[in-house]
Amino acid sequence: MDHQKLILDRLTTILSETDNSNAAKLIKLVDGAGRIFVGGAGRSGLVSRFFAMRLVHSGYKVSMVGEIVTPSIQAGDLFVVISGSGGTETLMPLLKKAKSMGAKIAVISMKAKSAMSELSDLNVQIGNDNSFPATIGMPMGSQFELSTLVFLEAAIADIMAAKGLTEEGMRAIHANLE
């Protein structure tokens, strides 16, 4: 079996089932935020780090939730959470705290309705309720994480186009203490 083709075909299908207008809504929240806080757990946490890095490269003030140097969230800030289930128990108290402080919340999930979506200002559903069947060759949530990664990378490309950002300019912001 050609697993690379399987993976690319699944991602193409999932992204074709995703409401792409949510990318513009997410970008509007990002542009309107004083600061952006990004979080997720497990594999979704890895995708959230990727997105946070790209936002930094695009010139935004970004913090990863859970890091020792992360400042307090405040009104006017945005908390972007990636959670396939939309109900990751370790993240729920963080959403409630952010909401109580007056921050806006964007949830990126595979669910149209979830515990997190009830707290969110924007719920971005990747795919639809039937987009993630068990697929041999894509175990344990990889369909969600990989499609979310592509969705968010395309949102960054939209930001780059809208702001006239160049790869050279982004590279100048890239970490140099690696």
Protein backbone atom coordinates (compact mmCIF):
# COMPACT_ATOMS: atom_id res chain seq x y z
CA MET A 1 0.00 0.00 0.00
CA ASP A 2 1.20 3.51 -0.83
CA HIS A 3 0.82 5.14 2.58
CA GLN A 4 2.03 8.53 1.39
CA LYS A 5 -0.79 8.68 -1.16
CA LEU A 6 -3.28 7.45 1.46
CA ILE A 7 -2.25 10.23 3.85
CA LEU A 8 -2.33 12.97 1.21
CA ASP A 9 -5.72 11.78 -0.08
CA ARG A 10 -7.21 11.74 3.45
CA LEU A 11 -5.89 15.24 4.19
CA THR A 12 -7.27 16.54 0.87
CA THR A 13 -10.68 15.06 1.69
CA ILE A 14 -10.73 16.43 5.25
CA LEU A 15 -9.66 19.91 4.16
CA SER A 16 -12.28 19.92 1.38
CA GLU A 17 -14.88 19.22 4.10
CA THR A 18 -13.59 22.11 6.27
CA ASP A 19 -15.34 25.48 6.28
CA ASN A 20 -12.49 27.62 4.97
CA SER A 21 -14.25 30.87 5.93
CA ASN A 22 -13.14 30.10 9.48
CA ALA A 23 -9.54 30.87 8.49
CA ALA A 24 -10.48 34.51 7.84
CA LYS A 25 -12.39 34.64 11.14
CA LEU A 26 -9.36 33.27 12.98
CA ILE A 27 -7.06 35.77 11.28
CA LYS A 28 -9.41 38.61 12.27
CA LEU A 29 -9.20 37.52 15.92
CA VAL A 30 -5.40 37.21 15.67
CA ASP A 31 -5.10 40.69 14.15
CA GLY A 32 -7.40 42.19 16.78
CA ALA A 33 -5.59 40.66 19.76
CA GLY A 34 -3.17 42.49 22.00
CA ARG A 35 -1.26 39.27 22.55
CA ILE A 36 -1.86 35.69 21.45
CA PHE A 37 -1.62 32.68 23.73
CA VAL A 38 -1.51 29.24 22.10
CA GLY A 39 -2.00 25.86 23.69
CA GLY A 40 -2.85 22.23 23.22
CA ALA A 41 -2.03 18.87 24.78
CA GLY A 42 -0.20 15.89 23.35
CA ARG A 43 0.06 15.80 19.57
CA SER A 44 -2.28 18.79 19.29
CA GLY A 45 0.19 20.60 21.53
CA LEU A 46 2.90 19.95 18.96
CA VAL A 47 0.72 21.46 16.23
CA SER A 48 0.00 24.44 18.50
CA ARG A 49 3.75 25.05 18.87
CA PHE A 50 4.15 25.01 15.11
CA PHE A 51 1.36 27.60 14.73
CA ALA A 52 2.78 29.77 17.55
CA MET A 53 6.18 29.81 15.87
CA ARG A 54 4.67 30.88 12.54
CA LEU A 55 2.72 33.65 14.27
CA VAL A 56 5.97 34.91 15.82
CA HIS A 57 7.60 34.82 12.37
CA SER A 58 4.65 36.92 11.16
CA GLY A 59 5.35 39.62 13.75
CA TYR A 60 2.77 38.84 16.46
CA LYS A 61 3.32 38.81 20.23
CA VAL A 62 2.84 35.14 21.09
CA SER A 63 3.20 32.98 24.20
CA MET A 64 2.89 29.24 24.62
CA VAL A 65 0.61 28.35 27.52
CA GLY A 66 2.42 26.33 30.17
CA GLU A 67 5.89 27.75 29.60
CA ILE A 68 7.63 29.22 32.64
CA VAL A 69 7.92 32.67 30.99
CA THR A 70 4.29 32.92 29.83
CA PRO A 71 2.73 36.14 31.18
CA SER A 72 -0.80 36.46 32.56
CA ILE A 73 -3.61 36.59 30.01
CA GLN A 74 -5.77 39.72 30.03
CA ALA A 75 -8.76 41.31 28.36
CA GLY A 76 -7.90 42.04 24.74
CA ASP A 77 -5.74 38.92 24.39
CA LEU A 78 -6.59 35.80 22.37
CA PHE A 79 -6.23 32.19 23.51
CA VAL A 80 -6.01 29.72 20.61
CA VAL A 81 -6.52 26.13 21.73
CA ILE A 82 -6.10 23.03 19.57
CA SER A 83 -7.99 19.99 20.83
CA GLY A 84 -9.25 17.21 18.61
CA SER A 85 -11.95 16.24 21.11
CA GLY A 86 -12.80 19.79 22.11
CA GLY A 87 -12.88 18.62 25.70
CA THR A 88 -9.32 17.91 26.84
CA GLU A 89 -9.74 17.92 30.63
CA THR A 90 -6.36 19.47 31.41
CA LEU A 91 -7.13 22.44 29.14
CA MET A 92 -10.69 23.21 30.31
CA PRO A 93 -9.60 25.14 33.46
CA LEU A 94 -7.28 27.24 31.29
CA LEU A 95 -10.14 28.20 28.95
CA LYS A 96 -12.34 29.09 31.92
CA LYS A 97 -9.57 31.25 33.40
CA ALA A 98 -8.91 33.01 30.07
CA LYS A 99 -12.66 33.66 29.66
CA SER A 100 -12.91 35.03 33.23
CA MET A 101 -10.05 37.45 32.45
CA GLY A 102 -11.87 38.80 29.40
CA ALA A 103 -9.70 37.16 26.74
CA LYS A 104 -11.19 35.87 23.51
CA ILE A 105 -10.99 32.16 22.80
CA ALA A 106 -10.58 30.32 19.50
CA VAL A 107 -10.91 26.54 19.59
CA ILE A 108 -9.69 24.36 16.74
CA SER A 109 -11.28 20.92 16.96
CA MET A 110 -12.82 18.08 15.00
CA LYS A 111 -16.14 18.72 16.78
CA ALA A 112 -18.88 21.19 15.81
CA LYS A 113 -20.08 21.25 19.43
CA SER A 114 -17.98 20.54 22.50
CA ALA A 115 -17.33 21.68 26.04
CA MET A 116 -14.63 24.00 24.67
CA SER A 117 -16.80 25.38 21.86
CA GLU A 118 -19.32 26.52 24.49
CA LEU A 119 -16.63 28.81 25.93
CA SER A 120 -15.23 29.96 22.60
CA ASP A 121 -15.69 33.11 20.57
CA LEU A 122 -14.78 31.06 17.49
CA ASN A 123 -14.99 27.31 17.03
CA VAL A 124 -13.04 26.15 13.98
CA GLN A 125 -14.13 22.66 13.05
CA ILE A 126 -11.59 20.82 10.96
CA GLY A 127 -13.52 18.58 8.58
CA ASN A 128 -17.04 17.68 9.67
CA ASP A 129 -18.57 15.22 12.11
CA ASN A 130 -17.90 12.32 9.72
CA SER A 131 -14.42 13.29 8.51
CA PHE A 132 -12.36 11.09 10.82
CA PRO A 133 -13.12 7.40 10.38
CA ALA A 134 -10.62 4.85 11.67
CA THR A 135 -8.03 4.63 8.90
CA ILE A 136 -5.30 1.99 8.77
CA GLY A 137 -2.04 3.81 8.19
CA MET A 138 -3.15 6.96 10.07
CA PRO A 139 -3.41 5.91 13.72
CA MET A 140 -4.43 7.75 16.85
CA GLY A 141 -5.52 11.15 15.65
CA SER A 142 -2.94 11.80 12.98
CA GLN A 143 -5.71 12.72 10.52
CA PHE A 144 -6.77 15.61 12.79
CA GLU A 145 -3.29 16.84 13.64
CA LEU A 146 -1.97 16.77 10.09
CA SER A 147 -5.07 18.42 8.57
CA THR A 148 -5.01 21.07 11.31
CA LEU A 149 -1.34 21.72 10.60
CA VAL A 150 -2.09 22.26 6.90
CA PHE A 151 -5.16 24.43 7.68
CA LEU A 152 -3.12 26.67 9.99
CA GLU A 153 -0.15 26.85 7.62
CA ALA A 154 -2.56 28.05 4.90
CA ALA A 155 -3.89 30.68 7.35
CA ILE A 156 -0.30 31.87 7.86
CA ALA A 157 0.10 32.07 4.07
CA ASP A 158 -3.05 34.24 4.00
CA ILE A 159 -1.53 36.50 6.68
CA MET A 160 1.71 36.74 4.69
CA ALA A 161 -0.19 37.73 1.54
CA ALA A 162 -2.38 40.27 3.34
CA LYS A 163 0.58 41.90 5.12
CA GLY A 164 3.05 41.64 2.26
CA LEU A 165 5.42 39.57 4.39
CA THR A 166 8.38 37.92 2.73
CA GLU A 167 10.25 34.78 3.65
CA GLU A 168 13.39 36.90 4.09
CA GLY A 169 11.62 39.18 6.57
CA MET A 170 10.23 36.20 8.46
CA ARG A 171 13.66 34.56 8.50
CA ALA A 172 15.06 37.70 10.20
CA ILE A 173 12.64 37.09 13.10
CA HIS A 174 13.37 33.34 13.27
CA ALA A 175 15.11 32.09 16.40
CA ASN A 176 18.89 32.36 16.20
CA LEU A 177 19.68 30.67 19.51
CA GLU A 178 18.97 27.12 18.38
